[in-house]
Amino acid sequence: MNTPGDSAGAPNPGTSTSIRSMNSVLSTLRIFEEVATRQPIGVSDLSRVTGIPKSTVQRCLVTLKQAGWLKVVDTAQTRWGVTARALSLGLRGAGEQDLRQLADPVIKRLAADTGETVHLALRDGNESVIIGRADTTKDVRVILELGTRLPLQATSAGVAMLARLAPAEVAEVLSHEVDQVEGASVPSTDQLRREIEMTAVRGYALNVSSWYRPHVCSVGVAVTDSMDRPIAGIAISIPEMRYDAANEATLAELANAAAAEINGLIRSA
C-alpha cells in the first residue's frame, strides 16, 4: 500500500517532458520525410497528409530550416523543399567522397569510350562543385580542377540538373542572375529557360562553345538520388577543334548510360 509520501501512481514530470520531446522529434522527422517526398509543398497540405496541426507543422518547418535541411522554394505560395545539404545525403548518409567513389569507375569508362575528359559535378545550392574527373589521353584536353565551383547556369552539367528540378526551384535559381564567370559570358535568363526546356525534352544539355569557356563544347546529363532528385551532373568536355556535331547522339547516349549506372549504384548503396 502506498503511503502519502510515495510517488507510485503519481505523474512523473520528467517522464511527461521526455514523451513530449520524443513526440516533437517524431513530428519533425515526419514533416521532413513528407517534404522530401512531395516537394514543393505548403503548410496546409503537410497538415492534411500528416494529420499534424498547422501550428506544429510550421514549428517543425522553421526548426528544419534553421538546421539547414529545408528551405522555401516557392516564395509566392510559401512552399517548402529540401536543401542541397539534405540532397547530398541521398547516398544513405553519404556525401561527396562516397559519390566520387561510386562514380569513379563509371566516369573513367565513359572517358575511355568517348576519348574525352569527363567531369563529375556535385550540386551545392545554386552552384556545382567539381568532385571528379577522368582525363582524356589526347594532348589537347579540357581540365577543370577538383574543387572548382561554378554557377549551375554556367555549365551543361548544371543545366542538366536544372532541367530535372521543379519549376519553382528553377525560378529560384535563375533569380540569382549570373552575367559572367571568370570574365566569360553565360546565357541570359531567357536563353537559359529555353535551354532548360530543350534539355528536358531531349534528355541532355548541350553547350557548343557558347557558355563560360569559349572553344569548349560539352554534353551534360544529371545524376539523381533515390527520390529521382538531381544531386550531380556529368559533362563530357571536348575542345571545339575536335567536336563533331555528328557524334552528338552517340555522346549523349553514352553519357545517359553512365548516369543511369551511377543512379543504380546510389539506389543500392
C-alpha atoms as a PDB file:
ATOM      1  CA  MET A   1       0.000   0.000   0.000  1.00  0.00           C
ATOM      2  CA  ASN A   2       1.306   3.436  -0.877  1.00  0.00           C
ATOM      3  CA  THR A   3       1.942   5.946   1.858  1.00  0.00           C
ATOM      4  CA  PRO A   4       1.111   9.621   1.331  1.00  0.00           C
ATOM      5  CA  GLY A   5       4.801  10.237   0.559  1.00  0.00           C
ATOM      6  CA  ASP A   6       5.012   7.531  -2.095  1.00  0.00           C
ATOM      7  CA  SER A   7       5.357   8.667  -5.724  1.00  0.00           C
ATOM      8  CA  ALA A   8       3.899   5.472  -7.176  1.00  0.00           C
ATOM      9  CA  GLY A   9       0.888   6.240  -9.287  1.00  0.00           C
ATOM     10  CA  ALA A  10       1.657   9.934  -9.465  1.00  0.00           C
ATOM     11  CA  PRO A  11       2.684  11.542 -12.789  1.00  0.00           C
ATOM     12  CA  ASN A  12       6.399  11.968 -13.241  1.00  0.00           C
ATOM     13  CA  PRO A  13       7.109  15.430 -14.655  1.00  0.00           C
ATOM     14  CA  GLY A  14      10.384  14.214 -16.125  1.00  0.00           C
ATOM     15  CA  THR A  15       8.679  11.366 -17.971  1.00  0.00           C
ATOM     16  CA  SER A  16       5.995  13.682 -19.372  1.00  0.00           C
ATOM     17  CA  THR A  17       8.645  16.075 -20.642  1.00  0.00           C
ATOM     18  CA  SER A  18      10.549  13.213 -22.278  1.00  0.00           C
ATOM     19  CA  ILE A  19       7.415  11.991 -24.026  1.00  0.00           C
ATOM     20  CA  ARG A  20       6.644  15.484 -25.337  1.00  0.00           C
ATOM     21  CA  SER A  21      10.223  15.857 -26.593  1.00  0.00           C
ATOM     22  CA  MET A  22      10.084  12.481 -28.333  1.00  0.00           C
ATOM     23  CA  ASN A  23       6.762  13.333 -29.977  1.00  0.00           C
ATOM     24  CA  SER A  24       8.229  16.634 -31.160  1.00  0.00           C
ATOM     25  CA  VAL A  25      11.219  14.843 -32.704  1.00  0.00           C
ATOM     26  CA  LEU A  26       8.969  12.276 -34.404  1.00  0.00           C
ATOM     27  CA  SER A  27       6.724  15.029 -35.794  1.00  0.00           C
ATOM     28  CA  THR A  28       9.754  16.914 -37.158  1.00  0.00           C
ATOM     29  CA  LEU A  29      11.112  13.788 -38.829  1.00  0.00           C
ATOM     30  CA  ARG A  30       7.680  13.039 -40.304  1.00  0.00           C
ATOM     31  CA  ILE A  31       7.453  16.540 -41.737  1.00  0.00           C
ATOM     32  CA  PHE A  32      10.940  16.234 -43.235  1.00  0.00           C
ATOM     33  CA  GLU A  33      10.052  12.923 -44.901  1.00  0.00           C
ATOM     34  CA  GLU A  34       6.841  14.325 -46.361  1.00  0.00           C
ATOM     35  CA  VAL A  35       8.574  17.429 -47.720  1.00  0.00           C
ATOM     36  CA  ALA A  36      11.293  15.286 -49.284  1.00  0.00           C
ATOM     37  CA  THR A  37       8.665  13.071 -50.931  1.00  0.00           C
ATOM     38  CA  ARG A  38       6.140  15.716 -52.015  1.00  0.00           C
ATOM     39  CA  GLN A  39       8.191  18.895 -52.534  1.00  0.00           C
ATOM     40  CA  PRO A  40       7.401  21.640 -53.147  1.00  0.00           C
ATOM     41  CA  ILE A  41       4.610  21.573 -50.577  1.00  0.00           C
ATOM     42  CA  GLY A  42       2.933  24.068 -48.241  1.00  0.00           C
ATOM     43  CA  VAL A  43       1.845  24.030 -44.617  1.00  0.00           C
ATOM     44  CA  SER A  44      -1.822  23.253 -45.314  1.00  0.00           C
ATOM     45  CA  ASP A  45      -1.051  20.242 -47.483  1.00  0.00           C
ATOM     46  CA  LEU A  46       1.505  18.969 -44.974  1.00  0.00           C
ATOM     47  CA  SER A  47      -1.051  19.264 -42.193  1.00  0.00           C
ATOM     48  CA  ARG A  48      -3.618  17.400 -44.280  1.00  0.00           C
ATOM     49  CA  VAL A  49      -1.390  14.460 -45.257  1.00  0.00           C
ATOM     50  CA  THR A  50       0.191  14.047 -41.808  1.00  0.00           C
ATOM     51  CA  GLY A  51      -2.746  14.882 -39.562  1.00  0.00           C
ATOM     52  CA  ILE A  52      -0.461  17.232 -37.628  1.00  0.00           C
ATOM     53  CA  PRO A  53      -1.882  20.661 -36.671  1.00  0.00           C
ATOM     54  CA  LYS A  54      -0.748  23.568 -38.849  1.00  0.00           C
ATOM     55  CA  SER A  55       0.890  25.349 -35.928  1.00  0.00           C
ATOM     56  CA  THR A  56       3.004  22.285 -35.189  1.00  0.00           C
ATOM     57  CA  VAL A  57       3.847  21.820 -38.863  1.00  0.00           C
ATOM     58  CA  GLN A  58       5.029  25.430 -39.030  1.00  0.00           C
ATOM     59  CA  ARG A  59       7.251  24.989 -35.973  1.00  0.00           C
ATOM     60  CA  CYS A  60       8.777  21.837 -37.459  1.00  0.00           C
ATOM     61  CA  LEU A  61       9.459  23.587 -40.773  1.00  0.00           C
ATOM     62  CA  VAL A  62      11.153  26.513 -39.051  1.00  0.00           C
ATOM     63  CA  THR A  63      13.285  24.132 -36.982  1.00  0.00           C
ATOM     64  CA  LEU A  64      14.355  22.199 -40.076  1.00  0.00           C
ATOM     65  CA  LYS A  65      15.109  25.432 -41.918  1.00  0.00           C
ATOM     66  CA  GLN A  66      17.273  26.683 -39.057  1.00  0.00           C
ATOM     67  CA  ALA A  67      19.120  23.356 -39.083  1.00  0.00           C
ATOM     68  CA  GLY A  68      19.793  23.707 -42.813  1.00  0.00           C
ATOM     69  CA  TRP A  69      17.635  20.796 -44.033  1.00  0.00           C
ATOM     70  CA  LEU A  70      14.687  22.645 -45.589  1.00  0.00           C
ATOM     71  CA  LYS A  71      14.132  25.913 -47.444  1.00  0.00           C
ATOM     72  CA  VAL A  72      11.284  27.857 -49.034  1.00  0.00           C
ATOM     73  CA  VAL A  73      11.475  27.065 -52.754  1.00  0.00           C
ATOM     74  CA  ASP A  74       8.323  28.921 -53.822  1.00  0.00           C
ATOM     75  CA  THR A  75       8.152  32.283 -52.082  1.00  0.00           C
ATOM     76  CA  ALA A  76       4.883  33.279 -53.764  1.00  0.00           C
ATOM     77  CA  GLN A  77       2.949  30.361 -52.229  1.00  0.00           C
ATOM     78  CA  THR A  78       5.370  29.600 -49.355  1.00  0.00           C
ATOM     79  CA  ARG A  79       6.042  26.049 -50.391  1.00  0.00           C
ATOM     80  CA  TRP A  80       8.940  24.081 -48.996  1.00  0.00           C
ATOM     81  CA  GLY A  81      11.654  21.786 -50.333  1.00  0.00           C
ATOM     82  CA  VAL A  82      14.841  20.123 -49.170  1.00  0.00           C
ATOM     83  CA  THR A  83      18.220  21.845 -49.335  1.00  0.00           C
ATOM     84  CA  ALA A  84      21.398  20.700 -51.060  1.00  0.00           C
ATOM     85  CA  ARG A  85      22.610  19.607 -47.636  1.00  0.00           C
ATOM     86  CA  ALA A  86      19.735  17.153 -47.428  1.00  0.00           C
ATOM     87  CA  LEU A  87      20.090  16.050 -51.043  1.00  0.00           C
ATOM     88  CA  SER A  88      23.744  15.241 -50.546  1.00  0.00           C
ATOM     89  CA  LEU A  89      22.652  12.605 -48.024  1.00  0.00           C
ATOM     90  CA  GLY A  90      20.814  10.661 -50.698  1.00  0.00           C
ATOM     91  CA  LEU A  91      23.503   8.012 -50.541  1.00  0.00           C
ATOM     92  CA  ARG A  92      22.395   6.650 -47.152  1.00  0.00           C
ATOM     93  CA  GLY A  93      24.131   9.333 -45.207  1.00  0.00           C
ATOM     94  CA  ALA A  94      26.954   9.622 -47.692  1.00  0.00           C
ATOM     95  CA  GLY A  95      28.462  12.746 -49.138  1.00  0.00           C
ATOM     96  CA  GLU A  96      30.902  13.925 -51.733  1.00  0.00           C
ATOM     97  CA  GLN A  97      33.531  11.270 -51.011  1.00  0.00           C
ATOM     98  CA  ASP A  98      31.061   8.407 -51.378  1.00  0.00           C
ATOM     99  CA  LEU A  99      29.590   9.742 -54.612  1.00  0.00           C
ATOM    100  CA  ARG A 100      33.061  10.183 -56.053  1.00  0.00           C
ATOM    101  CA  GLN A 101      33.996   6.618 -55.122  1.00  0.00           C
ATOM    102  CA  LEU A 102      30.798   5.212 -56.602  1.00  0.00           C
ATOM    103  CA  ALA A 103      31.093   7.192 -59.815  1.00  0.00           C
ATOM    104  CA  ASP A 104      34.854   6.972 -60.387  1.00  0.00           C
ATOM    105  CA  PRO A 105      34.954   3.701 -62.378  1.00  0.00           C
ATOM    106  CA  VAL A 106      31.927   4.775 -64.396  1.00  0.00           C
ATOM    107  CA  ILE A 107      33.320   8.152 -65.458  1.00  0.00           C
ATOM    108  CA  LYS A 108      36.707   6.551 -66.234  1.00  0.00           C
ATOM    109  CA  ARG A 109      34.959   4.105 -68.559  1.00  0.00           C
ATOM    110  CA  LEU A 110      32.990   6.962 -70.139  1.00  0.00           C
ATOM    111  CA  ALA A 111      36.225   8.877 -70.754  1.00  0.00           C
ATOM    112  CA  ALA A 112      37.749   5.789 -72.375  1.00  0.00           C
ATOM    113  CA  ASP A 113      34.654   5.164 -74.532  1.00  0.00           C
ATOM    114  CA  THR A 114      34.454   8.777 -75.752  1.00  0.00           C
ATOM    115  CA  GLY A 115      38.166   9.606 -75.818  1.00  0.00           C
ATOM    116  CA  GLU A 116      37.390  12.863 -73.996  1.00  0.00           C
ATOM    117  CA  THR A 117      37.632  14.292 -70.491  1.00  0.00           C
ATOM    118  CA  VAL A 118      34.652  13.682 -68.207  1.00  0.00           C
ATOM    119  CA  HIS A 119      33.828  15.870 -65.209  1.00  0.00           C
ATOM    120  CA  LEU A 120      31.605  14.948 -62.262  1.00  0.00           C
ATOM    121  CA  ALA A 121      29.951  17.922 -60.522  1.00  0.00           C
ATOM    122  CA  LEU A 122      28.058  17.810 -57.220  1.00  0.00           C
ATOM    123  CA  ARG A 123      25.188  20.231 -56.758  1.00  0.00           C
ATOM    124  CA  ASP A 124      25.522  22.616 -53.815  1.00  0.00           C
ATOM    125  CA  GLY A 125      22.592  25.017 -53.791  1.00  0.00           C
ATOM    126  CA  ASN A 126      22.843  27.298 -56.831  1.00  0.00           C
ATOM    127  CA  GLU A 127      26.335  26.059 -57.645  1.00  0.00           C
ATOM    128  CA  SER A 128      28.087  22.887 -58.679  1.00  0.00           C
ATOM    129  CA  VAL A 129      31.427  21.664 -57.360  1.00  0.00           C
ATOM    130  CA  ILE A 130      33.789  19.567 -59.452  1.00  0.00           C
ATOM    131  CA  ILE A 131      34.444  16.446 -57.361  1.00  0.00           C
ATOM    132  CA  GLY A 132      35.677  14.019 -60.007  1.00  0.00           C
ATOM    133  CA  ARG A 133      37.491  13.994 -63.333  1.00  0.00           C
ATOM    134  CA  ALA A 134      38.647  11.355 -65.783  1.00  0.00           C
ATOM    135  CA  ASP A 135      41.115  12.751 -68.330  1.00  0.00           C
ATOM    136  CA  THR A 136      41.489  12.001 -71.991  1.00  0.00           C
ATOM    137  CA  THR A 137      44.835  10.699 -73.182  1.00  0.00           C
ATOM    138  CA  LYS A 138      44.899  13.228 -76.033  1.00  0.00           C
ATOM    139  CA  ASP A 139      47.331  16.124 -75.918  1.00  0.00           C
ATOM    140  CA  VAL A 140      44.675  18.842 -76.153  1.00  0.00           C
ATOM    141  CA  ARG A 141      42.216  18.428 -73.312  1.00  0.00           C
ATOM    142  CA  VAL A 142      39.717  20.295 -71.167  1.00  0.00           C
ATOM    143  CA  ILE A 143      40.590  20.461 -67.478  1.00  0.00           C
ATOM    144  CA  LEU A 144      38.700  21.870 -64.521  1.00  0.00           C
ATOM    145  CA  GLU A 145      40.485  21.473 -61.214  1.00  0.00           C
ATOM    146  CA  LEU A 146      38.801  19.465 -58.462  1.00  0.00           C
ATOM    147  CA  GLY A 147      37.028  21.804 -56.085  1.00  0.00           C
ATOM    148  CA  THR A 148      36.152  24.344 -58.802  1.00  0.00           C
ATOM    149  CA  ARG A 149      32.798  25.938 -58.017  1.00  0.00           C
ATOM    150  CA  LEU A 150      30.564  27.210 -60.819  1.00  0.00           C
ATOM    151  CA  PRO A 151      27.003  28.545 -61.042  1.00  0.00           C
ATOM    152  CA  LEU A 152      24.564  25.930 -62.318  1.00  0.00           C
ATOM    153  CA  GLN A 153      23.779  28.326 -65.182  1.00  0.00           C
ATOM    154  CA  ALA A 154      27.342  28.197 -66.494  1.00  0.00           C
ATOM    155  CA  THR A 155      27.780  24.535 -67.431  1.00  0.00           C
ATOM    156  CA  SER A 156      25.998  21.791 -69.334  1.00  0.00           C
ATOM    157  CA  ALA A 157      26.037  19.575 -66.220  1.00  0.00           C
ATOM    158  CA  GLY A 158      24.373  22.389 -64.270  1.00  0.00           C
ATOM    159  CA  VAL A 159      21.705  22.958 -66.912  1.00  0.00           C
ATOM    160  CA  ALA A 160      21.055  19.206 -66.994  1.00  0.00           C
ATOM    161  CA  MET A 161      20.421  19.342 -63.239  1.00  0.00           C
ATOM    162  CA  LEU A 162      18.163  22.378 -63.593  1.00  0.00           C
ATOM    163  CA  ALA A 163      16.102  20.508 -66.179  1.00  0.00           C
ATOM    164  CA  ARG A 164      15.265  17.899 -63.543  1.00  0.00           C
ATOM    165  CA  LEU A 165      14.063  20.384 -60.907  1.00  0.00           C
ATOM    166  CA  ALA A 166      10.531  21.596 -60.231  1.00  0.00           C
ATOM    167  CA  PRO A 167       9.656  24.902 -61.966  1.00  0.00           C
ATOM    168  CA  ALA A 168       9.618  26.783 -58.649  1.00  0.00           C
ATOM    169  CA  GLU A 169      13.156  25.648 -57.862  1.00  0.00           C
ATOM    170  CA  VAL A 170      14.363  26.571 -61.336  1.00  0.00           C
ATOM    171  CA  ALA A 171      12.856  30.026 -60.893  1.00  0.00           C
ATOM    172  CA  GLU A 172      14.606  30.389 -57.537  1.00  0.00           C
ATOM    173  CA  VAL A 173      17.997  29.506 -59.053  1.00  0.00           C
ATOM    174  CA  LEU A 174      17.517  31.785 -62.064  1.00  0.00           C
ATOM    175  CA  SER A 175      16.511  34.653 -59.786  1.00  0.00           C
ATOM    176  CA  HIS A 176      20.221  34.810 -58.882  1.00  0.00           C
ATOM    177  CA  GLU A 177      21.350  36.174 -62.216  1.00  0.00           C
ATOM    178  CA  VAL A 178      24.876  35.452 -63.394  1.00  0.00           C
ATOM    179  CA  ASP A 179      26.255  37.574 -66.235  1.00  0.00           C
ATOM    180  CA  GLN A 180      29.846  36.386 -66.288  1.00  0.00           C
ATOM    181  CA  VAL A 181      32.056  33.689 -64.831  1.00  0.00           C
ATOM    182  CA  GLU A 182      35.773  34.427 -64.755  1.00  0.00           C
ATOM    183  CA  GLY A 183      35.255  37.161 -67.331  1.00  0.00           C
ATOM    184  CA  ALA A 184      33.360  34.955 -69.779  1.00  0.00           C
ATOM    185  CA  SER A 185      29.660  35.303 -70.545  1.00  0.00           C
ATOM    186  CA  VAL A 186      26.899  32.839 -69.762  1.00  0.00           C
ATOM    187  CA  PRO A 187      23.446  32.647 -71.356  1.00  0.00           C
ATOM    188  CA  SER A 188      20.850  35.233 -70.368  1.00  0.00           C
ATOM    189  CA  THR A 189      17.953  34.176 -68.152  1.00  0.00           C
ATOM    190  CA  ASP A 190      15.632  33.894 -71.165  1.00  0.00           C
ATOM    191  CA  GLN A 191      18.201  31.817 -73.042  1.00  0.00           C
ATOM    192  CA  LEU A 192      18.654  29.601 -70.031  1.00  0.00           C
ATOM    193  CA  ARG A 193      14.929  28.975 -69.749  1.00  0.00           C
ATOM    194  CA  ARG A 194      14.876  27.858 -73.382  1.00  0.00           C
ATOM    195  CA  GLU A 195      17.960  25.678 -72.865  1.00  0.00           C
ATOM    196  CA  ILE A 196      16.399  24.067 -69.788  1.00  0.00           C
ATOM    197  CA  GLU A 197      13.200  23.313 -71.716  1.00  0.00           C
ATOM    198  CA  MET A 198      15.164  21.834 -74.621  1.00  0.00           C
ATOM    199  CA  THR A 199      17.305  19.798 -72.236  1.00  0.00           C
ATOM    200  CA  ALA A 200      14.226  18.353 -70.535  1.00  0.00           C
ATOM    201  CA  VAL A 201      12.840  17.256 -73.901  1.00  0.00           C
ATOM    202  CA  ARG A 202      15.984  15.686 -75.393  1.00  0.00           C
ATOM    203  CA  GLY A 203      17.387  14.297 -72.131  1.00  0.00           C
ATOM    204  CA  TYR A 204      20.761  16.077 -72.115  1.00  0.00           C
ATOM    205  CA  ALA A 205      22.240  19.551 -72.136  1.00  0.00           C
ATOM    206  CA  LEU A 206      24.397  20.744 -74.996  1.00  0.00           C
ATOM    207  CA  ASN A 207      26.959  23.524 -74.926  1.00  0.00           C
ATOM    208  CA  VAL A 208      28.522  24.214 -78.300  1.00  0.00           C
ATOM    209  CA  SER A 209      31.280  26.660 -77.364  1.00  0.00           C
ATOM    210  CA  SER A 210      28.983  29.411 -76.133  1.00  0.00           C
ATOM    211  CA  TRP A 211      28.942  29.254 -72.318  1.00  0.00           C
ATOM    212  CA  TYR A 212      31.576  30.209 -69.800  1.00  0.00           C
ATOM    213  CA  ARG A 213      34.606  28.677 -71.558  1.00  0.00           C
ATOM    214  CA  PRO A 214      34.974  29.682 -75.207  1.00  0.00           C
ATOM    215  CA  HIS A 215      36.210  26.961 -77.554  1.00  0.00           C
ATOM    216  CA  VAL A 216      34.963  24.184 -75.266  1.00  0.00           C
ATOM    217  CA  CYS A 217      31.951  22.023 -76.139  1.00  0.00           C
ATOM    218  CA  SER A 218      30.185  19.688 -73.734  1.00  0.00           C
ATOM    219  CA  VAL A 219      27.329  17.251 -73.309  1.00  0.00           C
ATOM    220  CA  GLY A 220      25.819  17.185 -69.812  1.00  0.00           C
ATOM    221  CA  VAL A 221      23.440  14.838 -68.024  1.00  0.00           C
ATOM    222  CA  ALA A 222      22.051  14.708 -64.487  1.00  0.00           C
ATOM    223  CA  VAL A 223      22.716  12.142 -61.761  1.00  0.00           C
ATOM    224  CA  THR A 224      19.760  11.568 -59.435  1.00  0.00           C
ATOM    225  CA  ASP A 225      19.232  10.192 -55.949  1.00  0.00           C
ATOM    226  CA  SER A 226      16.779   7.572 -54.724  1.00  0.00           C
ATOM    227  CA  MET A 227      13.941  10.132 -54.948  1.00  0.00           C
ATOM    228  CA  ASP A 228      14.876  10.987 -58.545  1.00  0.00           C
ATOM    229  CA  ARG A 229      16.218  14.388 -57.470  1.00  0.00           C
ATOM    230  CA  PRO A 230      19.280  15.781 -59.326  1.00  0.00           C
ATOM    231  CA  ILE A 231      22.257  15.766 -56.965  1.00  0.00           C
ATOM    232  CA  ALA A 232      25.086  15.835 -59.504  1.00  0.00           C
ATOM    233  CA  GLY A 233      25.919  16.081 -63.178  1.00  0.00           C
ATOM    234  CA  ILE A 234      28.265  14.502 -65.694  1.00  0.00           C
ATOM    235  CA  ALA A 235      29.814  16.511 -68.508  1.00  0.00           C
ATOM    236  CA  ILE A 236      31.787  15.185 -71.457  1.00  0.00           C
ATOM    237  CA  SER A 237      34.113  18.119 -72.195  1.00  0.00           C
ATOM    238  CA  ILE A 238      35.568  18.453 -75.685  1.00  0.00           C
ATOM    239  CA  PRO A 239      37.848  21.076 -77.286  1.00  0.00           C
ATOM    240  CA  GLU A 240      35.918  22.878 -80.024  1.00  0.00           C
ATOM    241  CA  MET A 241      38.554  21.926 -82.584  1.00  0.00           C
ATOM    242  CA  ARG A 242      37.736  18.240 -82.007  1.00  0.00           C
ATOM    243  CA  TYR A 243      33.975  18.458 -81.602  1.00  0.00           C
ATOM    244  CA  ASP A 244      31.865  16.854 -84.345  1.00  0.00           C
ATOM    245  CA  ALA A 245      28.124  17.507 -84.205  1.00  0.00           C
ATOM    246  CA  ALA A 246      27.537  14.214 -85.978  1.00  0.00           C
ATOM    247  CA  ASN A 247      28.645  12.446 -82.791  1.00  0.00           C
ATOM    248  CA  GLU A 248      26.186  14.281 -80.535  1.00  0.00           C
ATOM    249  CA  ALA A 249      23.628  11.463 -80.300  1.00  0.00           C
ATOM    250  CA  THR A 250      26.304   8.880 -79.516  1.00  0.00           C
ATOM    251  CA  LEU A 251      27.892  11.061 -76.838  1.00  0.00           C
ATOM    252  CA  ALA A 252      24.502  11.729 -75.272  1.00  0.00           C
ATOM    253  CA  GLU A 253      23.636   8.024 -75.252  1.00  0.00           C
ATOM    254  CA  LEU A 254      26.923   7.130 -73.567  1.00  0.00           C
ATOM    255  CA  ALA A 255      26.548   9.937 -71.008  1.00  0.00           C
ATOM    256  CA  ASN A 256      22.989   8.925 -70.140  1.00  0.00           C
ATOM    257  CA  ALA A 257      24.007   5.280 -69.802  1.00  0.00           C
ATOM    258  CA  ALA A 258      26.772   6.327 -67.397  1.00  0.00           C
ATOM    259  CA  ALA A 259      24.354   8.458 -65.369  1.00  0.00           C
ATOM    260  CA  ALA A 260      21.853   5.596 -65.228  1.00  0.00           C
ATOM    261  CA  GLU A 261      24.578   3.282 -63.921  1.00  0.00           C
ATOM    262  CA  ILE A 262      25.551   5.754 -61.205  1.00  0.00           C
ATOM    263  CA  ASN A 263      21.873   6.242 -60.310  1.00  0.00           C
ATOM    264  CA  GLY A 264      21.598   2.497 -59.820  1.00  0.00           C
ATOM    265  CA  LEU A 265      24.675   2.429 -57.610  1.00  0.00           C
ATOM    266  CA  ILE A 266      23.236   5.242 -55.494  1.00  0.00           C
ATOM    267  CA  ARG A 267      19.955   3.426 -55.001  1.00  0.00           C
ATOM    268  CA  SER A 268      21.683   0.226 -53.930  1.00  0.00           C
ATOM    269  CA  ALA A 269      24.290   1.960 -51.722  1.00  0.00           C
END
